[in-house]
């Protein structure tokens, strides 16, 4: 998996959030291989988890609040659950991506 980061903010909290984002990206890639995930760190201690795929709305993300202290194991498990929920809302299967594209009737609720 290729990962990159934009090290704009070098505070300790920002570095910790970036490390958590990398852990989330790795957990998602391990649980749901071949899907393209984007995990962004946002001010206020949140991570946005997005699935990048043609045909998907770009404004849909799962939000993971980091205000609570999670172990990396708990964080990975929560991210995998949220990623799976996002796949299901897009009418895609959990597991490895099989090349299918989203079908009509995306559940935006």
Protein backbone atom coordinates (compact mmCIF):
# COMPACT_ATOMS: atom_id res chain seq x y z
CA UNK A 1 0.00 0.00 0.00
CA UNK A 2 1.31 3.45 -0.86
CA UNK A 3 0.88 6.09 1.80
CA UNK A 4 1.90 9.68 1.84
CA UNK A 5 1.34 12.55 4.20
CA UNK A 6 1.54 16.29 4.05
CA UNK A 7 3.50 17.28 7.14
CA UNK A 8 2.17 20.81 7.50
CA UNK A 9 1.57 20.84 11.27
CA UNK A 10 4.42 19.44 13.34
CA UNK A 11 2.82 19.63 16.78
CA UNK A 12 2.80 16.50 18.88
CA UNK A 13 -1.00 16.19 18.60
CA UNK A 14 -0.85 16.54 14.82
CA UNK A 15 1.86 13.88 14.56
CA UNK A 16 -0.17 11.53 16.74
CA UNK A 17 -3.28 12.09 14.60
CA UNK A 18 -1.25 11.42 11.47
CA UNK A 19 0.06 8.15 12.94
CA UNK A 20 -3.52 7.14 13.78
CA UNK A 21 -4.62 7.97 10.22
CA UNK A 22 -1.84 5.74 8.86
CA UNK A 23 -2.93 2.92 11.19
CA UNK A 24 -6.55 3.31 10.01
CA UNK A 25 -5.48 3.28 6.34
CA UNK A 26 -3.43 0.12 6.92
CA UNK A 27 -6.34 -1.60 8.75
CA UNK A 28 -8.76 -0.73 5.92
CA UNK A 29 -6.35 -1.93 3.24
CA UNK A 30 -5.79 -5.19 5.10
CA UNK A 31 -9.51 -5.84 5.68
CA UNK A 32 -10.71 -4.62 2.27
CA UNK A 33 -7.84 -5.10 -0.21
CA UNK A 34 -7.90 -3.55 -3.66
CA UNK A 35 -10.30 -0.78 -2.61
CA UNK A 36 -8.75 2.69 -2.65
CA UNK A 37 -9.16 4.38 0.74
CA UNK A 38 -8.39 7.95 1.72
CA UNK A 39 -8.05 8.80 5.39
CA UNK A 40 -7.77 12.48 6.23
CA UNK A 41 -6.92 14.16 9.50
CA UNK A 42 -9.18 17.07 10.32
CA UNK A 43 -8.87 19.75 13.01
CA UNK A 44 -10.61 18.93 16.23
CA UNK A 45 -9.43 15.34 16.40
CA UNK A 46 -11.38 13.59 13.68
CA UNK A 47 -10.46 11.30 10.82
CA UNK A 48 -12.49 11.20 7.62
CA UNK A 49 -12.59 7.83 5.88
CA UNK A 50 -13.46 7.99 2.18
CA UNK A 51 -13.71 5.38 -0.52
CA UNK A 52 -12.31 6.61 -3.83
CA UNK A 53 -13.97 5.07 -6.85
CA UNK A 54 -15.47 6.43 -10.08
CA UNK A 55 -19.21 6.79 -9.77
CA UNK A 56 -19.24 7.34 -6.02
CA UNK A 57 -20.27 10.66 -4.51
CA UNK A 58 -17.14 12.46 -3.32
CA UNK A 59 -18.89 14.08 -0.38
CA UNK A 60 -19.56 10.81 1.46
CA UNK A 61 -17.27 9.82 4.33
CA UNK A 62 -17.34 8.06 7.65
CA UNK A 63 -16.08 10.18 10.52
CA UNK A 64 -14.00 8.70 13.32
CA UNK A 65 -13.66 10.92 16.38
CA UNK A 66 -10.31 10.71 18.10
CA UNK A 67 -11.32 12.64 21.21
CA UNK A 68 -11.64 9.32 23.01
CA UNK A 69 -8.41 7.49 23.61
CA UNK A 70 -8.34 4.27 21.64
CA UNK A 71 -5.65 1.66 21.58
CA UNK A 72 -4.41 1.00 18.06
CA UNK A 73 -6.28 -2.33 18.13
CA UNK A 74 -9.55 -0.59 19.07
CA UNK A 75 -8.94 2.12 16.49
CA UNK A 76 -8.33 -0.44 13.73
CA UNK A 77 -11.45 -2.42 14.66
CA UNK A 78 -13.61 0.71 14.68
CA UNK A 79 -12.18 1.81 11.32
CA UNK A 80 -12.82 -1.60 9.73
CA UNK A 81 -16.44 -1.51 10.95
CA UNK A 82 -16.94 2.02 9.57
CA UNK A 83 -15.26 1.09 6.28
CA UNK A 84 -17.51 -1.95 5.93
CA UNK A 85 -20.56 0.20 6.66
CA UNK A 86 -19.44 2.61 3.94
CA UNK A 87 -19.01 -0.23 1.44
CA UNK A 88 -22.49 -1.54 2.22
CA UNK A 89 -24.03 1.93 1.82
CA UNK A 90 -22.46 2.06 -1.62
CA UNK A 91 -23.86 -1.42 -2.43
CA UNK A 92 -20.38 -2.91 -2.61
CA UNK A 93 -19.32 -6.11 -0.93
CA UNK A 94 -17.05 -6.35 2.07
CA UNK A 95 -13.76 -8.13 1.52
CA UNK A 96 -11.46 -7.69 -1.45
CA UNK A 97 -12.69 -5.50 -4.30
CA UNK A 98 -13.75 -7.68 -7.21
CA UNK A 99 -13.81 -4.93 -9.83
CA UNK A 100 -17.53 -4.27 -9.51
CA UNK A 101 -18.84 -0.74 -9.54
CA UNK A 102 -21.58 0.78 -7.38
CA UNK A 103 -25.08 -0.13 -8.42
CA UNK A 104 -28.03 2.22 -8.52
CA UNK A 105 -29.73 2.84 -5.22
CA UNK A 106 -26.82 4.06 -3.11
CA UNK A 107 -28.05 4.28 0.48
CA UNK A 108 -27.24 7.81 1.66
CA UNK A 109 -29.08 7.49 4.97
